[in-house]
Structures are given as C-alpha cells and as structure tokens.
Amino acid sequence: MSVSSESTTGAGTASAPPASAPQAPGRHRMTVVLPADLHARPAGRVATAAPRFASTVRLAYEGRTAAATSVLALMALGATAGGTVELTAEGPDAPQAAAALAAILAAAE
C-alpha cells in the first residue's frame, strides 16, 4: 500500500507540493496504490464516508473520474489491485476528507 499527499494547507501525510505546482486554497490531493480491486465493499465504505465531510471528493483512475459519494460510479472506474487512484478533495475540510477516504481505500480487501 502506498499513499502520498499534497495540500495547500500543509496538512497531510507527505511533503507539500512542489513550488511549481500550487493548488487552490481548500484543495487537497492524495494518491493511493490499491491493495485490492475497488469492488462493492470498499466502494460502499468510501461512498458512506464521503458525505460526512463538507468537501467534494472525486476519485480518478486511468483518465476516468467519479464522485466519491456514488458506489456505482466508483465501481465503474474499474480500479484494480496495484492501480493508482488519485483523490481530489475541495472544500473547508479537504485534507481530512482526503485522508479519511484514502485510509479506507488503503485498507481495502
């Protein structure tokens, strides 16, 4: 499992983004290498946790994106074990939202 993070607020689990790649305030990105396919169970956990945050979270995989609140959209991404998913959260609690959802993905079985 691998998780990396960037944020304009300085929060997160990895170093801040390079100076050449500034992000808008309230925006946070994390990448997760999936330990298992993004099937119904982890997608359901992500979709259940996402509405608890004020921020909007989207997941991207191989050029496709999905709202973190939609189980079907997350499953339709077709993300497989070993694949890298990028989470982008925008809003007042973006670092917390991204970290919480990344943790769910990183623990997927």
PDB file of N, CA and C in Angstrom:
ATOM      1  N   MET A   1       0.838  -1.162   0.000  1.00  0.00           N
ATOM      2  CA  MET A   1       0.000   0.000   0.000  1.00  0.00           C
ATOM      3  C   MET A   1       0.885   1.227   0.000  1.00  0.00           C
ATOM      4  N   SER A   2       0.463   2.217  -0.745  1.00  0.00           N
ATOM      5  CA  SER A   2       1.210   3.465  -0.772  1.00  0.00           C
ATOM      6  C   SER A   2       0.228   4.623  -0.844  1.00  0.00           C
ATOM      7  N   VAL A   3       0.472   5.622  -0.016  1.00  0.00           N
ATOM      8  CA  VAL A   3      -0.366   6.812  -0.013  1.00  0.00           C
ATOM      9  C   VAL A   3       0.547   8.015  -0.029  1.00  0.00           C
ATOM     10  N   SER A   4       0.280   8.956  -0.932  1.00  0.00           N
ATOM     11  CA  SER A   4       1.020  10.217  -0.906  1.00  0.00           C
ATOM     12  C   SER A   4       0.018  11.355  -0.969  1.00  0.00           C
ATOM     13  N   SER A   5       0.456  12.531  -0.525  1.00  0.00           N
ATOM     14  CA  SER A   5      -0.477  13.621  -0.329  1.00  0.00           C
ATOM     15  C   SER A   5       0.135  14.961  -0.677  1.00  0.00           C
ATOM     16  N   GLU A   6      -0.703  15.902  -1.111  1.00  0.00           N
ATOM     17  CA  GLU A   6      -0.301  17.299  -1.297  1.00  0.00           C
ATOM     18  C   GLU A   6      -1.446  18.172  -0.821  1.00  0.00           C
ATOM     19  N   SER A   7      -1.122  19.317  -0.254  1.00  0.00           N
ATOM     20  CA  SER A   7      -2.155  20.203   0.246  1.00  0.00           C
ATOM     21  C   SER A   7      -1.653  21.629   0.301  1.00  0.00           C
ATOM     22  N   THR A   8      -2.580  22.557   0.131  1.00  0.00           N
ATOM     23  CA  THR A   8      -2.202  23.960   0.285  1.00  0.00           C
ATOM     24  C   THR A   8      -2.271  24.383   1.734  1.00  0.00           C
ATOM     25  N   THR A   9      -2.839  23.524   2.581  1.00  0.00           N
ATOM     26  CA  THR A   9      -2.959  23.874   3.984  1.00  0.00           C
ATOM     27  C   THR A   9      -1.804  23.337   4.808  1.00  0.00           C
ATOM     28  N   GLY A  10      -0.935  22.529   4.213  1.00  0.00           N
ATOM     29  CA  GLY A  10       0.202  21.962   4.919  1.00  0.00           C
ATOM     30  C   GLY A  10      -0.137  20.690   5.665  1.00  0.00           C
ATOM     31  N   ALA A  11      -1.387  20.266   5.675  1.00  0.00           N
ATOM     32  CA  ALA A  11      -1.761  19.035   6.348  1.00  0.00           C
ATOM     33  C   ALA A  11      -1.579  17.869   5.396  1.00  0.00           C
ATOM     34  N   GLY A  12      -1.447  16.691   5.926  1.00  0.00           N
ATOM     35  CA  GLY A  12      -1.332  15.513   5.087  1.00  0.00           C
ATOM     36  C   GLY A  12      -0.214  14.625   5.565  1.00  0.00           C
ATOM     37  N   THR A  13       0.009  13.544   4.828  1.00  0.00           N
ATOM     38  CA  THR A  13       0.977  12.558   5.259  1.00  0.00           C
ATOM     39  C   THR A  13       2.290  12.637   4.509  1.00  0.00           C
ATOM     40  N   ALA A  14       2.395  13.493   3.524  1.00  0.00           N
ATOM     41  CA  ALA A  14       3.632  13.585   2.751  1.00  0.00           C
ATOM     42  C   ALA A  14       4.026  15.041   2.613  1.00  0.00           C
ATOM     43  N   SER A  15       5.077  15.275   1.883  1.00  0.00           N
ATOM     44  CA  SER A  15       5.591  16.635   1.739  1.00  0.00           C
ATOM     45  C   SER A  15       4.623  17.531   0.977  1.00  0.00           C
ATOM     46  N   ALA A  16       4.803  18.820   1.134  1.00  0.00           N
ATOM     47  CA  ALA A  16       3.976  19.801   0.431  1.00  0.00           C
ATOM     48  C   ALA A  16       4.268  19.722  -1.061  1.00  0.00           C
ATOM     49  N   PRO A  17       3.352  20.200  -1.913  1.00  0.00           N
ATOM     50  CA  PRO A  17       3.575  20.134  -3.348  1.00  0.00           C
ATOM     51  C   PRO A  17       4.749  21.011  -3.749  1.00  0.00           C
ATOM     52  N   PRO A  18       5.385  20.671  -4.867  1.00  0.00           N
ATOM     53  CA  PRO A  18       6.482  21.495  -5.340  1.00  0.00           C
ATOM     54  C   PRO A  18       6.006  22.919  -5.613  1.00  0.00           C
ATOM     55  N   ALA A  19       6.914  23.880  -5.522  1.00  0.00           N
ATOM     56  CA  ALA A  19       6.560  25.284  -5.732  1.00  0.00           C
ATOM     57  C   ALA A  19       5.987  25.510  -7.118  1.00  0.00           C
ATOM     58  N   SER A  20       6.346  24.682  -8.092  1.00  0.00           N
ATOM     59  CA  SER A  20       5.856  24.859  -9.453  1.00  0.00           C
ATOM     60  C   SER A  20       4.439  24.331  -9.651  1.00  0.00           C
ATOM     61  N   ALA A  21       3.865  23.681  -8.639  1.00  0.00           N
ATOM     62  CA  ALA A  21       2.529  23.111  -8.771  1.00  0.00           C
ATOM     63  C   ALA A  21       1.628  23.568  -7.632  1.00  0.00           C
ATOM     64  N   PRO A  22       1.333  24.884  -7.536  1.00  0.00           N
ATOM     65  CA  PRO A  22       0.481  25.344  -6.446  1.00  0.00           C
ATOM     66  C   PRO A  22      -0.951  24.853  -6.623  1.00  0.00           C
ATOM     67  N   GLN A  23      -1.631  24.663  -5.513  1.00  0.00           N
ATOM     68  CA  GLN A  23      -3.032  24.273  -5.535  1.00  0.00           C
ATOM     69  C   GLN A  23      -3.858  25.413  -4.968  1.00  0.00           C
ATOM     70  N   ALA A  24      -5.118  25.419  -5.320  1.00  0.00           N
ATOM     71  CA  ALA A  24      -6.026  26.426  -4.784  1.00  0.00           C
ATOM     72  C   ALA A  24      -6.250  26.166  -3.298  1.00  0.00           C
ATOM     73  N   PRO A  25      -6.493  27.208  -2.514  1.00  0.00           N
ATOM     74  CA  PRO A  25      -6.798  27.007  -1.098  1.00  0.00           C
ATOM     75  C   PRO A  25      -8.006  26.084  -0.943  1.00  0.00           C
ATOM     76  N   GLY A  26      -7.956  25.212   0.051  1.00  0.00           N
ATOM     77  CA  GLY A  26      -9.052  24.292   0.276  1.00  0.00           C
ATOM     78  C   GLY A  26      -9.042  23.100  -0.644  1.00  0.00           C
ATOM     79  N   ARG A  27      -7.918  22.864  -1.306  1.00  0.00           N
ATOM     80  CA  ARG A  27      -7.820  21.732  -2.220  1.00  0.00           C
ATOM     81  C   ARG A  27      -6.725  20.798  -1.717  1.00  0.00           C
ATOM     82  N   HIS A  28      -6.990  19.508  -1.776  1.00  0.00           N
ATOM     83  CA  HIS A  28      -6.037  18.520  -1.279  1.00  0.00           C
ATOM     84  C   HIS A  28      -6.069  17.310  -2.205  1.00  0.00           C
ATOM     85  N   ARG A  29      -4.889  16.809  -2.550  1.00  0.00           N
ATOM     86  CA  ARG A  29      -4.795  15.621  -3.407  1.00  0.00           C
ATOM     87  C   ARG A  29      -4.014  14.539  -2.701  1.00  0.00           C
ATOM     88  N   MET A  30      -4.451  13.311  -2.919  1.00  0.00           N
ATOM     89  CA  MET A  30      -3.734  12.151  -2.398  1.00  0.00           C
ATOM     90  C   MET A  30      -3.771  11.062  -3.444  1.00  0.00           C
ATOM     91  N   THR A  31      -2.725  10.259  -3.493  1.00  0.00           N
ATOM     92  CA  THR A  31      -2.741   9.087  -4.354  1.00  0.00           C
ATOM     93  C   THR A  31      -2.644   7.847  -3.489  1.00  0.00           C
ATOM     94  N   VAL A  32      -3.328   6.806  -3.925  1.00  0.00           N
ATOM     95  CA  VAL A  32      -3.344   5.539  -3.197  1.00  0.00           C
ATOM     96  C   VAL A  32      -3.105   4.421  -4.199  1.00  0.00           C
ATOM     97  N   VAL A  33      -2.157   3.538  -3.889  1.00  0.00           N
ATOM     98  CA  VAL A  33      -1.982   2.317  -4.661  1.00  0.00           C
ATOM     99  C   VAL A  33      -2.869   1.278  -3.996  1.00  0.00           C
ATOM    100  N   LEU A  34      -3.833   0.791  -4.742  1.00  0.00           N
ATOM    101  CA  LEU A  34      -4.843  -0.105  -4.171  1.00  0.00           C
ATOM    102  C   LEU A  34      -4.282  -1.493  -3.848  1.00  0.00           C
ATOM    103  N   PRO A  35      -4.558  -1.981  -2.628  1.00  0.00           N
ATOM    104  CA  PRO A  35      -4.140  -3.332  -2.286  1.00  0.00           C
ATOM    105  C   PRO A  35      -5.107  -4.380  -2.836  1.00  0.00           C
ATOM    106  N   ALA A  36      -6.303  -3.962  -3.235  1.00  0.00           N
ATOM    107  CA  ALA A  36      -7.330  -4.860  -3.777  1.00  0.00           C
ATOM    108  C   ALA A  36      -8.171  -4.080  -4.779  1.00  0.00           C
ATOM    109  N   ASP A  37      -8.943  -4.796  -5.582  1.00  0.00           N
ATOM    110  CA  ASP A  37      -9.824  -4.143  -6.546  1.00  0.00           C
ATOM    111  C   ASP A  37     -10.819  -3.240  -5.821  1.00  0.00           C
ATOM    112  N   LEU A  38     -11.250  -2.188  -6.508  1.00  0.00           N
ATOM    113  CA  LEU A  38     -12.257  -1.279  -5.951  1.00  0.00           C
ATOM    114  C   LEU A  38     -13.637  -1.871  -6.274  1.00  0.00           C
ATOM    115  N   HIS A  39     -14.007  -2.883  -5.513  1.00  0.00           N
ATOM    116  CA  HIS A  39     -15.280  -3.576  -5.713  1.00  0.00           C
ATOM    117  C   HIS A  39     -16.337  -2.995  -4.774  1.00  0.00           C
ATOM    118  N   ALA A  40     -17.469  -3.666  -4.643  1.00  0.00           N
ATOM    119  CA  ALA A  40     -18.618  -3.124  -3.922  1.00  0.00           C
ATOM    120  C   ALA A  40     -18.335  -2.750  -2.469  1.00  0.00           C
ATOM    121  N   ARG A  41     -17.609  -3.604  -1.741  1.00  0.00           N
ATOM    122  CA  ARG A  41     -17.408  -3.328  -0.311  1.00  0.00           C
ATOM    123  C   ARG A  41     -16.592  -2.054  -0.082  1.00  0.00           C
ATOM    124  N   PRO A  42     -15.379  -1.907  -0.654  1.00  0.00           N
ATOM    125  CA  PRO A  42     -14.644  -0.659  -0.412  1.00  0.00           C
ATOM    126  C   PRO A  42     -15.325   0.550  -1.045  1.00  0.00           C
ATOM    127  N   ALA A  43     -15.961   0.366  -2.197  1.00  0.00           N
ATOM    128  CA  ALA A  43     -16.677   1.485  -2.822  1.00  0.00           C
ATOM    129  C   ALA A  43     -17.813   1.949  -1.920  1.00  0.00           C
ATOM    130  N   GLY A  44     -18.511   1.001  -1.300  1.00  0.00           N
ATOM    131  CA  GLY A  44     -19.589   1.336  -0.375  1.00  0.00           C
ATOM    132  C   GLY A  44     -19.085   2.078   0.853  1.00  0.00           C
ATOM    133  N   ARG A  45     -17.929   1.656   1.357  1.00  0.00           N
ATOM    134  CA  ARG A  45     -17.355   2.339   2.522  1.00  0.00           C
ATOM    135  C   ARG A  45     -16.964   3.769   2.183  1.00  0.00           C
ATOM    136  N   VAL A  46     -16.373   3.960   1.008  1.00  0.00           N
ATOM    137  CA  VAL A  46     -15.995   5.313   0.576  1.00  0.00           C
ATOM    138  C   VAL A  46     -17.247   6.166   0.404  1.00  0.00           C
ATOM    139  N   ALA A  47     -18.253   5.621  -0.291  1.00  0.00           N
ATOM    140  CA  ALA A  47     -19.488   6.376  -0.554  1.00  0.00           C
ATOM    141  C   ALA A  47     -20.251   6.705   0.725  1.00  0.00           C
ATOM    142  N   THR A  48     -20.132   5.885   1.745  1.00  0.00           N
ATOM    143  CA  THR A  48     -20.782   6.152   3.029  1.00  0.00           C
ATOM    144  C   THR A  48     -20.027   7.222   3.804  1.00  0.00           C
ATOM    145  N   ALA A  49     -18.707   7.212   3.731  1.00  0.00           N
ATOM    146  CA  ALA A  49     -17.888   8.172   4.480  1.00  0.00           C
ATOM    147  C   ALA A  49     -17.847   9.553   3.821  1.00  0.00           C
ATOM    148  N   ALA A  50     -17.888   9.625   2.517  1.00  0.00           N
ATOM    149  CA  ALA A  50     -17.728  10.899   1.802  1.00  0.00           C
ATOM    150  C   ALA A  50     -18.729  11.984   2.211  1.00  0.00           C
ATOM    151  N   PRO A  51     -20.013  11.683   2.387  1.00  0.00           N
ATOM    152  CA  PRO A  51     -20.969  12.741   2.749  1.00  0.00           C
ATOM    153  C   PRO A  51     -20.785  13.302   4.160  1.00  0.00           C
ATOM    154  N   ARG A  52     -19.953  12.679   4.959  1.00  0.00           N
ATOM    155  CA  ARG A  52     -19.697  13.181   6.312  1.00  0.00           C
ATOM    156  C   ARG A  52     -18.851  14.448   6.300  1.00  0.00           C
ATOM    157  N   PHE A  53     -18.290  14.768   5.147  1.00  0.00           N
ATOM    158  CA  PHE A  53     -17.419  15.933   5.008  1.00  0.00           C
ATOM    159  C   PHE A  53     -18.098  17.008   4.178  1.00  0.00           C
ATOM    160  N   ALA A  54     -17.752  18.256   4.440  1.00  0.00           N
ATOM    161  CA  ALA A  54     -18.299  19.367   3.668  1.00  0.00           C
ATOM    162  C   ALA A  54     -17.650  19.456   2.295  1.00  0.00           C
ATOM    163  N   SER A  55     -16.457  18.910   2.165  1.00  0.00           N
ATOM    164  CA  SER A  55     -15.718  18.973   0.907  1.00  0.00           C
ATOM    165  C   SER A  55     -16.281  18.014  -0.130  1.00  0.00           C
ATOM    166  N   THR A  56     -16.078  18.356  -1.385  1.00  0.00           N
ATOM    167  CA  THR A  56     -16.425  17.494  -2.502  1.00  0.00           C
ATOM    168  C   THR A  56     -15.196  16.668  -2.835  1.00  0.00           C
ATOM    169  N   VAL A  57     -15.367  15.346  -2.914  1.00  0.00           N
ATOM    170  CA  VAL A  57     -14.241  14.456  -3.197  1.00  0.00           C
ATOM    171  C   VAL A  57     -14.527  13.683  -4.466  1.00  0.00           C
ATOM    172  N   ARG A  58     -13.513  13.629  -5.328  1.00  0.00           N
ATOM    173  CA  ARG A  58     -13.591  12.855  -6.568  1.00  0.00           C
ATOM    174  C   ARG A  58     -12.410  11.912  -6.618  1.00  0.00           C
ATOM    175  N   LEU A  59     -12.610  10.757  -7.245  1.00  0.00           N
ATOM    176  CA  LEU A  59     -11.542   9.800  -7.455  1.00  0.00           C
ATOM    177  C   LEU A  59     -11.274   9.701  -8.949  1.00  0.00           C
ATOM    178  N   ALA A  60     -10.019   9.565  -9.312  1.00  0.00           N
ATOM    179  CA  ALA A  60      -9.644   9.420 -10.714  1.00  0.00           C
ATOM    180  C   ALA A  60      -8.795   8.164 -10.876  1.00  0.00           C
ATOM    181  N   TYR A  61      -9.037   7.453 -11.980  1.00  0.00           N
ATOM    182  CA  TYR A  61      -8.285   6.243 -12.298  1.00  0.00           C
ATOM    183  C   TYR A  61      -8.235   6.106 -13.812  1.00  0.00           C
ATOM    184  N   GLU A  62      -7.036   6.067 -14.342  1.00  0.00           N
ATOM    185  CA  GLU A  62      -6.814   5.879 -15.782  1.00  0.00           C
ATOM    186  C   GLU A  62      -7.692   6.800 -16.645  1.00  0.00           C
ATOM    187  N   GLY A  63      -7.719   8.082 -16.306  1.00  0.00           N
ATOM    188  CA  GLY A  63      -8.425   9.069 -17.119  1.00  0.00           C
ATOM    189  C   GLY A  63      -9.916   9.190 -16.847  1.00  0.00           C
ATOM    190  N   ARG A  64     -10.442   8.382 -15.963  1.00  0.00           N
ATOM    191  CA  ARG A  64     -11.865   8.464 -15.614  1.00  0.00           C
ATOM    192  C   ARG A  64     -11.992   9.017 -14.207  1.00  0.00           C
ATOM    193  N   THR A  65     -13.077   9.748 -13.955  1.00  0.00           N
ATOM    194  CA  THR A  65     -13.305  10.285 -12.611  1.00  0.00           C
ATOM    195  C   THR A  65     -14.696   9.910 -12.126  1.00  0.00           C
ATOM    196  N   ALA A  66     -14.846   9.903 -10.801  1.00  0.00           N
ATOM    197  CA  ALA A  66     -16.135   9.585 -10.208  1.00  0.00           C
ATOM    198  C   ALA A  66     -16.282  10.333  -8.899  1.00  0.00           C
ATOM    199  N   ALA A  67     -17.507  10.696  -8.590  1.00  0.00           N
ATOM    200  CA  ALA A  67     -17.811  11.302  -7.298  1.00  0.00           C
ATOM    201  C   ALA A  67     -17.666  10.233  -6.225  1.00  0.00           C
ATOM    202  N   ALA A  68     -17.045  10.597  -5.110  1.00  0.00           N
ATOM    203  CA  ALA A  68     -16.820   9.644  -4.029  1.00  0.00           C
ATOM    204  C   ALA A  68     -18.114   9.223  -3.349  1.00  0.00           C
ATOM    205  N   THR A  69     -19.200   9.910  -3.600  1.00  0.00           N
ATOM    206  CA  THR A  69     -20.476   9.592  -2.960  1.00  0.00           C
ATOM    207  C   THR A  69     -21.291   8.538  -3.712  1.00  0.00           C
ATOM    208  N   SER A  70     -20.829   8.110  -4.876  1.00  0.00           N
ATOM    209  CA  SER A  70     -21.590   7.170  -5.696  1.00  0.00           C
ATOM    210  C   SER A  70     -20.903   5.810  -5.782  1.00  0.00           C
ATOM    211  N   VAL A  71     -21.510   4.794  -5.173  1.00  0.00           N
ATOM    212  CA  VAL A  71     -20.951   3.441  -5.199  1.00  0.00           C
ATOM    213  C   VAL A  71     -20.804   2.958  -6.639  1.00  0.00           C
ATOM    214  N   LEU A  72     -21.854   3.121  -7.430  1.00  0.00           N
ATOM    215  CA  LEU A  72     -21.814   2.631  -8.807  1.00  0.00           C
ATOM    216  C   LEU A  72     -20.759   3.350  -9.642  1.00  0.00           C
ATOM    217  N   ALA A  73     -20.644   4.653  -9.474  1.00  0.00           N
ATOM    218  CA  ALA A  73     -19.633   5.401 -10.219  1.00  0.00           C
ATOM    219  C   ALA A  73     -18.226   4.971  -9.820  1.00  0.00           C
ATOM    220  N   LEU A  74     -18.007   4.726  -8.525  1.00  0.00           N
ATOM    221  CA  LEU A  74     -16.695   4.274  -8.065  1.00  0.00           C
ATOM    222  C   LEU A  74     -16.367   2.900  -8.641  1.00  0.00           C
ATOM    223  N   MET A  75     -17.322   1.998  -8.624  1.00  0.00           N
ATOM    224  CA  MET A  75     -17.091   0.672  -9.178  1.00  0.00           C
ATOM    225  C   MET A  75     -16.864   0.728 -10.683  1.00  0.00           C
ATOM    226  N   ALA A  76     -17.540   1.665 -11.354  1.00  0.00           N
ATOM    227  CA  ALA A  76     -17.401   1.803 -12.807  1.00  0.00           C
ATOM    228  C   ALA A  76     -16.005   2.291 -13.218  1.00  0.00           C
ATOM    229  N   LEU A  77     -15.248   2.850 -12.277  1.00  0.00           N
ATOM    230  CA  LEU A  77     -13.880   3.252 -12.598  1.00  0.00           C
ATOM    231  C   LEU A  77     -13.052   2.043 -13.024  1.00  0.00           C
ATOM    232  N   GLY A  78     -13.389   0.880 -12.500  1.00  0.00           N
ATOM    233  CA  GLY A  78     -12.654  -0.334 -12.860  1.00  0.00           C
ATOM    234  C   GLY A  78     -11.268  -0.402 -12.249  1.00  0.00           C
ATOM    235  N   ALA A  79     -11.051   0.281 -11.142  1.00  0.00           N
ATOM    236  CA  ALA A  79      -9.734   0.311 -10.496  1.00  0.00           C
ATOM    237  C   ALA A  79      -9.398  -1.072  -9.942  1.00  0.00           C
ATOM    238  N   THR A  80      -8.198  -1.540 -10.242  1.00  0.00           N
ATOM    239  CA  THR A  80      -7.786  -2.871  -9.839  1.00  0.00           C
ATOM    240  C   THR A  80      -6.612  -2.831  -8.867  1.00  0.00           C
ATOM    241  N   ALA A  81      -6.390  -3.953  -8.211  1.00  0.00           N
ATOM    242  CA  ALA A  81      -5.289  -4.074  -7.256  1.00  0.00           C
ATOM    243  C   ALA A  81      -3.978  -3.680  -7.925  1.00  0.00           C
ATOM    244  N   GLY A  82      -3.200  -2.872  -7.234  1.00  0.00           N
ATOM    245  CA  GLY A  82      -1.930  -2.398  -7.770  1.00  0.00           C
ATOM    246  C   GLY A  82      -2.059  -1.118  -8.571  1.00  0.00           C
ATOM    247  N   GLY A  83      -3.289  -0.723  -8.888  1.00  0.00           N
ATOM    248  CA  GLY A  83      -3.527   0.508  -9.631  1.00  0.00           C
ATOM    249  C   GLY A  83      -3.462   1.718  -8.713  1.00  0.00           C
ATOM    250  N   THR A  84      -3.171   2.864  -9.298  1.00  0.00           N
ATOM    251  CA  THR A  84      -3.072   4.102  -8.532  1.00  0.00           C
ATOM    252  C   THR A  84      -4.322   4.937  -8.729  1.00  0.00           C
ATOM    253  N   VAL A  85      -4.971   5.261  -7.630  1.00  0.00           N
ATOM    254  CA  VAL A  85      -6.166   6.105  -7.629  1.00  0.00           C
ATOM    255  C   VAL A  85      -5.770   7.454  -7.055  1.00  0.00           C
ATOM    256  N   GLU A  86      -6.217   8.535  -7.688  1.00  0.00           N
ATOM    257  CA  GLU A  86      -5.966   9.873  -7.165  1.00  0.00           C
ATOM    258  C   GLU A  86      -7.258  10.434  -6.596  1.00  0.00           C
ATOM    259  N   LEU A  87      -7.185  10.878  -5.345  1.00  0.00           N
ATOM    260  CA  LEU A  87      -8.317  11.532  -4.694  1.00  0.00           C
ATOM    261  C   LEU A  87      -8.078  13.027  -4.736  1.00  0.00           C
ATOM    262  N   THR A  88      -9.105  13.789  -5.069  1.00  0.00           N
ATOM    263  CA  THR A  88      -9.033  15.238  -5.019  1.00  0.00           C
ATOM    264  C   THR A  88     -10.211  15.724  -4.190  1.00  0.00           C
ATOM    265  N   ALA A  89      -9.907  16.428  -3.129  1.00  0.00           N
ATOM    266  CA  ALA A  89     -10.943  16.982  -2.256  1.00  0.00           C
ATOM    267  C   ALA A  89     -10.867  18.496  -2.327  1.00  0.00           C
ATOM    268  N   GLU A  90     -12.009  19.134  -2.425  1.00  0.00           N
ATOM    269  CA  GLU A  90     -12.078  20.591  -2.447  1.00  0.00           C
ATOM    270  C   GLU A  90     -13.134  21.044  -1.457  1.00  0.00           C
ATOM    271  N   GLY A  91     -12.724  21.917  -0.542  1.00  0.00           N
ATOM    272  CA  GLY A  91     -13.652  22.436   0.441  1.00  0.00           C
ATOM    273  C   GLY A  91     -12.957  22.727   1.751  1.00  0.00           C
ATOM    274  N   PRO A  92     -13.731  23.110   2.756  1.00  0.00           N
ATOM    275  CA  PRO A  92     -13.155  23.554   4.019  1.00  0.00           C
ATOM    276  C   PRO A  92     -12.423  22.470   4.809  1.00  0.00           C
ATOM    277  N   ASP A  93     -12.809  21.207   4.631  1.00  0.00           N
ATOM    278  CA  ASP A  93     -12.157  20.118   5.349  1.00  0.00           C
ATOM    279  C   ASP A  93     -11.487  19.133   4.384  1.00  0.00           C
ATOM    280  N   ALA A  94     -10.945  19.669   3.290  1.00  0.00           N
ATOM    281  CA  ALA A  94     -10.358  18.850   2.238  1.00  0.00           C
ATOM    282  C   ALA A  94      -9.269  17.904   2.735  1.00  0.00           C
ATOM    283  N   PRO A  95      -8.303  18.343   3.542  1.00  0.00           N
ATOM    284  CA  PRO A  95      -7.267  17.401   3.988  1.00  0.00           C
ATOM    285  C   PRO A  95      -7.831  16.232   4.799  1.00  0.00           C
ATOM    286  N   GLN A  96      -8.781  16.526   5.665  1.00  0.00           N
ATOM    287  CA  GLN A  96      -9.380  15.474   6.482  1.00  0.00           C
ATOM    288  C   GLN A  96     -10.197  14.502   5.624  1.00  0.00           C
ATOM    289  N   ALA A  97     -10.958  15.034   4.675  1.00  0.00           N
ATOM    290  CA  ALA A  97     -11.768  14.189   3.801  1.00  0.00           C
ATOM    291  C   ALA A  97     -10.878  13.277   2.967  1.00  0.00           C
ATOM    292  N   ALA A  98      -9.853  13.844   2.350  1.00  0.00           N
ATOM    293  CA  ALA A  98      -8.962  13.044   1.516  1.00  0.00           C
ATOM    294  C   ALA A  98      -8.257  11.975   2.344  1.00  0.00           C
ATOM    295  N   ALA A  99      -7.785  12.331   3.520  1.00  0.00           N
ATOM    296  CA  ALA A  99      -7.076  11.371   4.369  1.00  0.00           C
ATOM    297  C   ALA A  99      -7.993  10.230   4.804  1.00  0.00           C
ATOM    298  N   ALA A 100      -9.225  10.552   5.179  1.00  0.00           N
ATOM    299  CA  ALA A 100     -10.159   9.528   5.637  1.00  0.00           C
ATOM    300  C   ALA A 100     -10.504   8.553   4.510  1.00  0.00           C
ATOM    301  N   LEU A 101     -10.767   9.085   3.325  1.00  0.00           N
ATOM    302  CA  LEU A 101     -11.141   8.221   2.211  1.00  0.00           C
ATOM    303  C   LEU A 101      -9.941   7.429   1.699  1.00  0.00           C
ATOM    304  N   ALA A 102      -8.750   8.034   1.721  1.00  0.00           N
ATOM    305  CA  ALA A 102      -7.539   7.317   1.329  1.00  0.00           C
ATOM    306  C   ALA A 102      -7.283   6.144   2.269  1.00  0.00           C
ATOM    307  N   ALA A 103      -7.541   6.337   3.563  1.00  0.00           N
ATOM    308  CA  ALA A 103      -7.359   5.262   4.533  1.00  0.00           C
ATOM    309  C   ALA A 103      -8.298   4.095   4.245  1.00  0.00           C
ATOM    310  N   ILE A 104      -9.512   4.413   3.856  1.00  0.00           N
ATOM    311  CA  ILE A 104     -10.482   3.353   3.504  1.00  0.00           C
ATOM    312  C   ILE A 104      -9.962   2.571   2.304  1.00  0.00           C
ATOM    313  N   LEU A 105      -9.519   3.276   1.275  1.00  0.00           N
ATOM    314  CA  LEU A 105      -9.009   2.615   0.075  1.00  0.00           C
ATOM    315  C   LEU A 105      -7.757   1.788   0.373  1.00  0.00           C
ATOM    316  N   ALA A 106      -6.890   2.332   1.201  1.00  0.00           N
ATOM    317  CA  ALA A 106      -5.631   1.654   1.521  1.00  0.00           C
ATOM    318  C   ALA A 106      -5.852   0.380   2.324  1.00  0.00           C
ATOM    319  N   ALA A 107      -6.992   0.276   2.996  1.00  0.00           N
ATOM    320  CA  ALA A 107      -7.297  -0.896   3.804  1.00  0.00           C
ATOM    321  C   ALA A 107      -8.227  -1.872   3.092  1.00  0.00           C
ATOM    322  N   ALA A 108      -8.524  -1.606   1.815  1.00  0.00           N
ATOM    323  CA  ALA A 108      -9.454  -2.441   1.062  1.00  0.00           C
ATOM    324  C   ALA A 108      -8.958  -3.882   0.983  1.00  0.00           C
ATOM    325  N   GLU A 109      -9.893  -4.785   1.056  1.00  0.00           N
ATOM    326  CA  GLU A 109      -9.571  -6.220   0.953  1.00  0.00           C
ATOM    327  C   GLU A 109     -10.311  -6.832  -0.213  1.00  0.00           C
TER     328      GLU A 109
END
